[in-house]
Amino acid sequence: MNVDTTIEELEAAKPVEPPSESHIDVAWLSIRATLTAPVRRRVPRRARRVVAAGILAAALVGVIVFQALPSPETAPTAASATPFLRQAARAILTAPTFREQSAVVPQANQYVYSETEDPSGTLVQTWLSVDGNLPEVGRWTSGIKGEVPASGATSNAACTVAQAESSGCIPEVGYLPGLPTDPTALLSYLNQISLVDTVPSDNTTPGQLNNDLAKAVMYLMQTCYLLPAQQSALFTLMAQTPGFTIVPQMTDVIGRVGVGVEWSFTGDWGALIFNPTTYALLGERTWPGPPVLSAPYDGDALLGVSIVNSIPPGQTTTSWPNPT
């Protein structure tokens, strides 16, 4: 079954449960009351060409529309991101679309397709086989005028969950039916498939668990089809992990305003940016040192994730020129 749920539809549903008396809920809702939903407007490409650097980022299944540049961003804070993350976890489970999305189970012969865009406007497309038995196939198309080559292909060797558990390879799997929905079991599972490292001797640097966990969440939300309960568990696990702070307004690389969830590690900083209404991941951003919102953008925007039946004809690693 193909999934093509737009973020517009999810925003219209406003999947947020009634206010709670919890002081944590009140804290997040007071922040959320100051936010406004992004207005649809395509950002001119020239506004996106800041720097060509960037790393691959991570979302709720669906195509995310381009939205307008926000009002001035708020500065980083020391406030905990826990209220926001807990609200996100609950909202996903109580969304009107919960049953419909939970019933969608990808088949072994299908692929999970995703798109990201970097500050130069370069588009990266990825196809992951649902069970990981086939190599990952990717394509990039440059957003820089006159760049040679203008496009290219990438491929990673197949790595199933079983292979990840036995050899330590990163699973190239589009769907993880065994991904636990219990946060405690989830952390153990992420460690088992090499997405985080919780071995005490290797996890003594302050912020290392935050860094590992944030990158794991980014990877899973960007490349995999996640059931709503699995998404909720990821948010809950982050909420239970001290060290994540909140930036009430942060812009992604294509101009969509969201809520930033930040962390620091060995003096550097990173942030995942989420839609304040749907809690879909919009993108990520990193800084070499303290976060400066006016600095050149280093990160990607997630444009969408969906289930497809096949890789389009010609989309193989031998069909496009590879960069030299």
Protein backbone atom coordinates (compact mmCIF):
# COMPACT_ATOMS: atom_id res chain seq x y z
CA MET A 1 0.00 0.00 0.00
CA ASN A 2 1.39 3.40 -1.01
CA VAL A 3 1.48 6.11 1.65
CA ASP A 4 1.06 9.72 0.52
CA THR A 5 -0.24 11.56 3.59
CA THR A 6 0.49 15.27 3.38
CA ILE A 7 1.50 17.37 6.32
CA GLU A 8 -1.31 19.76 5.40
CA GLU A 9 -3.85 17.04 6.21
CA LEU A 10 -2.15 16.27 9.50
CA GLU A 11 -2.07 19.95 10.44
CA ALA A 12 -5.78 20.22 9.72
CA ALA A 13 -6.36 17.28 12.06
CA LYS A 14 -4.38 19.07 14.83
CA PRO A 15 -3.42 15.85 16.64
CA VAL A 16 -3.02 17.33 20.10
CA GLU A 17 -4.84 15.92 23.11
CA PRO A 18 -6.75 18.13 25.61
CA PRO A 19 -4.57 20.07 28.08
CA SER A 20 -3.27 18.15 31.05
CA GLU A 21 -2.89 19.37 34.60
CA SER A 22 0.73 18.18 34.60
CA HIS A 23 3.19 21.01 35.16
CA ILE A 24 5.24 19.61 32.29
CA ASP A 25 2.31 19.82 29.90
CA VAL A 26 1.54 23.36 31.06
CA ALA A 27 5.18 24.34 30.49
CA TRP A 28 5.14 23.11 26.89
CA LEU A 29 1.70 24.48 26.11
CA SER A 30 2.78 27.92 27.31
CA ILE A 31 5.63 27.78 24.79
CA ARG A 32 3.40 26.41 22.05
CA ALA A 33 0.91 29.24 22.53
CA THR A 34 3.57 31.67 21.29
CA LEU A 35 4.10 29.79 18.03
CA THR A 36 2.26 30.21 14.77
CA ALA A 37 1.83 27.54 12.14
CA PRO A 38 3.97 28.20 9.03
CA VAL A 39 2.23 29.81 6.08
CA ARG A 40 2.63 28.14 2.73
CA ARG A 41 4.98 29.96 0.39
CA ARG A 42 7.79 28.50 -1.66
CA VAL A 43 11.12 29.96 -0.62
CA PRO A 44 13.18 31.29 -3.58
CA ARG A 45 16.06 28.96 -4.35
CA ARG A 46 18.58 31.79 -4.08
CA ALA A 47 17.60 32.14 -0.43
CA ARG A 48 18.57 28.52 0.16
CA ARG A 49 22.09 28.71 -1.30
CA VAL A 50 24.04 29.50 1.80
CA VAL A 51 26.78 26.86 1.79
CA ALA A 52 27.25 23.57 -0.02
CA ALA A 53 28.21 21.66 3.12
CA GLY A 54 25.72 19.53 4.98
CA ILE A 55 25.05 16.11 6.38
CA LEU A 56 22.10 13.88 5.74
CA ALA A 57 19.21 14.64 8.03
CA ALA A 58 15.37 12.78 9.09
CA ALA A 59 9.64 12.32 9.60
CA LEU A 60 6.27 11.38 9.74
CA VAL A 61 5.43 9.54 6.51
CA GLY A 62 4.31 12.03 3.89
CA VAL A 63 5.33 14.87 1.59
CA ILE A 64 6.10 18.06 3.48
CA VAL A 65 5.12 21.25 1.65
CA PHE A 66 7.42 24.26 1.39
CA GLN A 67 6.53 26.97 3.89
CA ALA A 68 7.40 30.60 4.51
CA LEU A 69 10.36 32.08 6.31
CA PRO A 70 9.41 32.73 9.94
CA SER A 71 9.64 35.77 12.11
CA PRO A 72 13.08 36.24 13.75
CA GLU A 73 14.28 33.07 15.43
CA THR A 74 14.45 32.79 19.17
CA ALA A 75 17.82 32.34 20.81
CA PRO A 76 18.99 29.02 22.26
CA THR A 77 17.82 28.42 25.83
CA ALA A 78 18.74 26.20 28.74
CA ALA A 79 15.12 25.10 29.08
CA SER A 80 14.56 21.35 28.93
CA ALA A 81 12.98 19.93 25.78
CA THR A 82 11.22 17.27 27.86
CA PRO A 83 7.76 18.94 27.86
CA PHE A 84 7.79 19.28 24.08
CA LEU A 85 9.03 15.72 23.54
CA ARG A 86 6.44 14.22 25.89
CA GLN A 87 3.65 16.18 24.23
CA ALA A 88 4.85 14.97 20.83
CA ALA A 89 4.82 11.35 22.03
CA ARG A 90 1.24 11.64 23.29
CA ALA A 91 -0.05 13.64 20.33
CA ILE A 92 1.05 11.00 17.84
CA LEU A 93 -0.80 8.28 19.76
CA THR A 94 -3.99 10.34 19.96
CA ALA A 95 -3.99 11.68 16.39
CA PRO A 96 -7.16 11.03 14.33
CA THR A 97 -4.95 9.34 11.73
CA PHE A 98 -3.39 6.93 14.26
CA ARG A 99 -5.42 3.83 13.31
CA GLU A 100 -5.13 4.47 9.58
CA GLN A 101 -1.37 4.88 9.70
CA SER A 102 -0.89 1.99 12.11
CA ALA A 103 -2.63 -0.32 9.64
CA VAL A 104 -0.08 0.43 6.89
CA VAL A 105 2.58 -2.31 6.88
CA PRO A 106 5.15 -2.27 4.06
CA GLN A 107 5.70 -5.48 2.13
CA ALA A 108 9.08 -7.16 1.64
CA ASN A 109 9.11 -6.39 -2.10
CA GLN A 110 8.56 -2.66 -1.59
CA TYR A 111 10.90 0.28 -0.94
CA VAL A 112 10.97 3.26 1.38
CA TYR A 113 11.74 6.41 -0.60
CA SER A 114 12.97 9.67 0.94
CA GLU A 115 14.11 13.10 -0.24
CA THR A 116 16.33 15.70 1.42
CA GLU A 117 17.64 19.08 0.31
CA ASP A 118 20.82 20.84 1.42
CA PRO A 119 21.66 24.58 1.59
CA SER A 120 22.84 24.65 -2.03
CA GLY A 121 19.51 23.28 -3.25
CA THR A 122 21.01 19.86 -3.98
CA LEU A 123 18.36 17.14 -3.84
CA VAL A 124 19.22 13.70 -2.45
CA GLN A 125 16.86 10.79 -3.18
CA THR A 126 17.17 7.44 -1.41
CA TRP A 127 15.51 4.06 -1.95
CA LEU A 128 15.81 1.46 0.83
CA SER A 129 14.42 -2.03 0.40
CA VAL A 130 11.89 -2.76 3.13
CA ASP A 131 13.76 -5.76 4.57
CA GLY A 132 17.32 -4.66 3.75
CA ASN A 133 18.07 -7.62 1.50
CA LEU A 134 18.91 -5.33 -1.44
CA PRO A 135 21.54 -2.55 -1.58
CA GLU A 136 20.52 1.01 -0.78
CA VAL A 137 20.27 3.12 -3.93
CA GLY A 138 20.61 6.89 -3.94
CA ARG A 139 20.72 9.77 -6.37
CA TRP A 140 21.78 13.38 -5.96
CA THR A 141 20.97 16.27 -8.27
CA SER A 142 23.03 19.40 -7.79
CA GLY A 143 21.35 22.70 -6.95
CA ILE A 144 24.45 24.66 -7.94
CA LYS A 145 24.18 26.15 -11.44
CA GLY A 146 26.86 24.86 -13.78
CA GLU A 147 28.24 22.23 -11.39
CA VAL A 148 29.86 19.26 -13.15
CA PRO A 149 28.69 16.57 -12.80
CA ALA A 150 25.17 17.83 -12.27
CA SER A 151 24.00 14.55 -10.79
CA GLY A 152 25.35 11.27 -9.50
CA ALA A 153 24.56 8.00 -7.82
CA THR A 154 25.39 6.33 -4.56
CA SER A 155 24.96 2.82 -3.24
CA ASN A 156 25.53 1.10 0.09
CA ALA A 157 25.80 -2.64 0.55
CA ALA A 158 22.75 -4.49 1.78
CA CYS A 159 22.55 -4.86 5.56
CA THR A 160 19.59 -6.55 7.21
CA VAL A 161 18.74 -6.27 10.89
CA ALA A 162 20.20 -9.74 11.49
CA GLN A 163 23.44 -8.69 9.79
CA ALA A 164 23.56 -5.47 11.82
CA GLU A 165 23.19 -7.45 15.03
CA SER A 166 25.94 -9.91 14.09
CA SER A 167 28.45 -7.73 12.23
CA GLY A 168 27.82 -4.17 13.40
CA CYS A 169 26.93 -2.79 9.97
CA ILE A 170 24.38 0.03 9.89
CA PRO A 171 21.05 -1.51 8.80
CA GLU A 172 20.00 -0.37 5.33
CA VAL A 173 16.40 -1.30 6.09
CA GLY A 174 13.30 0.67 5.15
CA TYR A 175 11.04 -0.86 7.80
CA LEU A 176 11.87 -2.21 11.25
CA PRO A 177 8.91 -4.26 12.51
CA GLY A 178 10.96 -5.27 15.56
CA LEU A 179 11.64 -1.67 16.65
CA PRO A 180 10.20 -1.65 20.20
CA THR A 181 7.49 0.74 21.33
CA ASP A 182 8.67 0.55 24.94
CA PRO A 183 11.36 3.24 25.51
CA THR A 184 13.54 1.04 27.73
CA ALA A 185 13.54 -1.83 25.26
CA LEU A 186 13.99 0.67 22.43
CA LEU A 187 17.34 1.94 23.74
CA SER A 188 18.62 -1.62 24.06
CA TYR A 189 17.45 -2.41 20.51
CA LEU A 190 19.16 0.70 19.07
CA ASN A 191 22.35 -0.40 20.78
CA GLN A 192 21.92 -3.93 19.41
CA ILE A 193 21.73 -2.70 15.80
CA SER A 194 24.65 -0.27 16.27
CA LEU A 195 22.71 3.00 16.07
CA VAL A 196 23.73 4.02 19.60
CA ASP A 197 26.51 2.93 21.95
CA THR A 198 25.54 2.60 25.61
CA VAL A 199 28.59 0.63 26.73
CA PRO A 200 29.70 2.51 29.89
CA SER A 201 33.39 2.54 29.01
CA ASP A 202 32.61 4.15 25.66
CA ASN A 203 29.92 6.50 26.89
CA THR A 204 31.69 8.66 29.48
CA THR A 205 32.04 11.87 27.43
CA PRO A 206 29.31 14.38 28.42
CA GLY A 207 26.65 14.57 25.75
CA GLN A 208 27.68 11.39 23.95
CA LEU A 209 24.40 9.57 24.58
CA ASN A 210 22.47 12.66 23.44
CA ASN A 211 24.56 12.80 20.28
CA ASP A 212 24.14 9.08 19.54
CA LEU A 213 20.41 9.13 20.25
CA ALA A 214 19.71 12.29 18.24
CA LYS A 215 21.60 10.89 15.24
CA ALA A 216 19.72 7.60 15.55
CA VAL A 217 16.36 9.42 15.62
CA MET A 218 17.43 11.52 12.64
CA TYR A 219 18.50 8.44 10.67
CA LEU A 220 15.32 6.50 11.42
CA MET A 221 12.91 9.35 10.73
CA GLN A 222 14.68 10.28 7.53
CA THR A 223 15.12 6.87 5.93
CA CYS A 224 12.61 4.46 7.49
CA TYR A 225 8.88 3.95 7.59
CA LEU A 226 7.96 4.18 11.28
CA LEU A 227 4.64 3.16 12.77
CA PRO A 228 3.05 5.88 14.95
CA ALA A 229 3.74 3.91 18.14
CA GLN A 230 7.40 3.61 17.14
CA GLN A 231 7.64 7.36 16.52
CA SER A 232 6.04 8.00 19.89
CA ALA A 233 8.57 5.74 21.60
CA LEU A 234 11.46 7.64 20.02
CA PHE A 235 10.09 10.92 21.37
CA THR A 236 9.58 9.36 24.83
CA LEU A 237 13.12 7.98 24.87
CA MET A 238 14.50 11.43 24.05
CA ALA A 239 12.28 12.96 26.76
CA GLN A 240 13.72 10.52 29.31
CA THR A 241 17.30 11.38 28.34
CA PRO A 242 18.66 14.47 30.17
CA GLY A 243 20.55 17.02 28.12
CA PHE A 244 18.16 18.02 25.34
CA THR A 245 17.15 21.69 25.38
CA ILE A 246 14.53 23.61 23.42
CA VAL A 247 14.64 26.54 21.01
CA PRO A 248 11.00 27.63 20.57
CA GLN A 249 11.54 28.87 17.00
CA MET A 250 14.18 27.60 14.58
CA THR A 251 14.21 27.65 10.77
CA ASP A 252 15.19 24.73 8.59
CA VAL A 253 17.26 25.11 5.43
CA ILE A 254 14.27 25.72 3.12
CA GLY A 255 12.64 28.28 5.39
CA ARG A 256 10.13 26.31 7.46
CA VAL A 257 9.81 27.41 11.07
CA GLY A 258 9.78 24.75 13.74
CA VAL A 259 10.83 23.91 17.28
CA GLY A 260 14.50 23.09 17.77
CA VAL A 261 15.63 20.31 20.10
CA GLU A 262 19.32 20.91 20.78
CA TRP A 263 22.20 19.00 22.34
CA SER A 264 25.94 19.53 22.72
CA PHE A 265 28.85 17.12 22.41
CA THR A 266 32.59 17.83 22.81
CA GLY A 267 31.97 21.55 22.32
CA ASP A 268 29.88 21.25 19.17
CA TRP A 269 26.09 21.53 18.91
CA GLY A 270 23.30 20.00 16.89
CA ALA A 271 19.55 20.43 16.63
CA LEU A 272 16.59 18.48 15.25
CA ILE A 273 13.81 20.75 13.99
CA PHE A 274 10.20 19.61 14.40
CA ASN A 275 6.90 21.02 13.15
CA PRO A 276 5.24 22.59 16.25
CA THR A 277 1.80 21.27 15.30
CA THR A 278 2.32 17.85 13.73
CA TYR A 279 5.67 17.03 15.39
CA ALA A 280 7.01 15.84 12.04
CA LEU A 281 10.77 16.23 11.71
CA LEU A 282 11.58 19.04 9.28
CA GLY A 283 15.35 18.75 9.30
CA GLU A 284 18.54 19.15 11.29
CA ARG A 285 21.31 21.65 11.86
CA THR A 286 24.83 21.46 13.30
CA TRP A 287 27.37 23.99 14.55
CA PRO A 288 31.14 23.70 15.08
CA GLY A 289 31.03 25.24 18.52
CA PRO A 290 28.21 27.13 20.29
CA PRO A 291 24.99 27.50 18.25
CA VAL A 292 24.80 30.79 16.35
CA LEU A 293 21.54 31.01 14.43
CA SER A 294 22.94 33.59 12.01
CA ALA A 295 25.87 31.35 11.01
CA PRO A 296 25.98 29.68 7.57
CA TYR A 297 23.59 26.75 7.53
CA ASP A 298 25.05 23.27 7.90
CA GLY A 299 22.29 20.68 7.64
CA ASP A 300 19.49 19.32 5.49
CA ALA A 301 15.73 19.55 5.19
CA LEU A 302 13.58 16.44 4.93
CA LEU A 303 11.12 16.83 2.06
CA GLY A 304 9.26 13.56 2.46
CA VAL A 305 9.20 9.82 3.11
CA SER A 306 6.86 7.34 1.43
CA ILE A 307 6.42 3.67 0.55
CA VAL A 308 6.82 2.85 -3.13
CA ASN A 309 6.49 -0.38 -5.07
CA SER A 310 9.71 -0.16 -7.04
CA ILE A 311 12.72 1.92 -7.99
CA PRO A 312 11.88 3.86 -11.18
CA PRO A 313 13.34 2.45 -14.41
CA GLY A 314 16.95 3.46 -14.87
CA GLN A 315 17.45 4.38 -11.20
CA THR A 316 20.49 2.20 -10.67
CA THR A 317 24.02 3.04 -9.67
CA THR A 318 25.28 2.37 -13.19
CA SER A 319 22.80 4.74 -14.85
CA TRP A 320 24.28 8.06 -13.66
CA PRO A 321 27.78 9.55 -13.71
CA ASN A 322 29.57 9.27 -10.41
CA PRO A 323 31.66 12.19 -9.11
CA THR A 324 35.40 11.75 -9.49
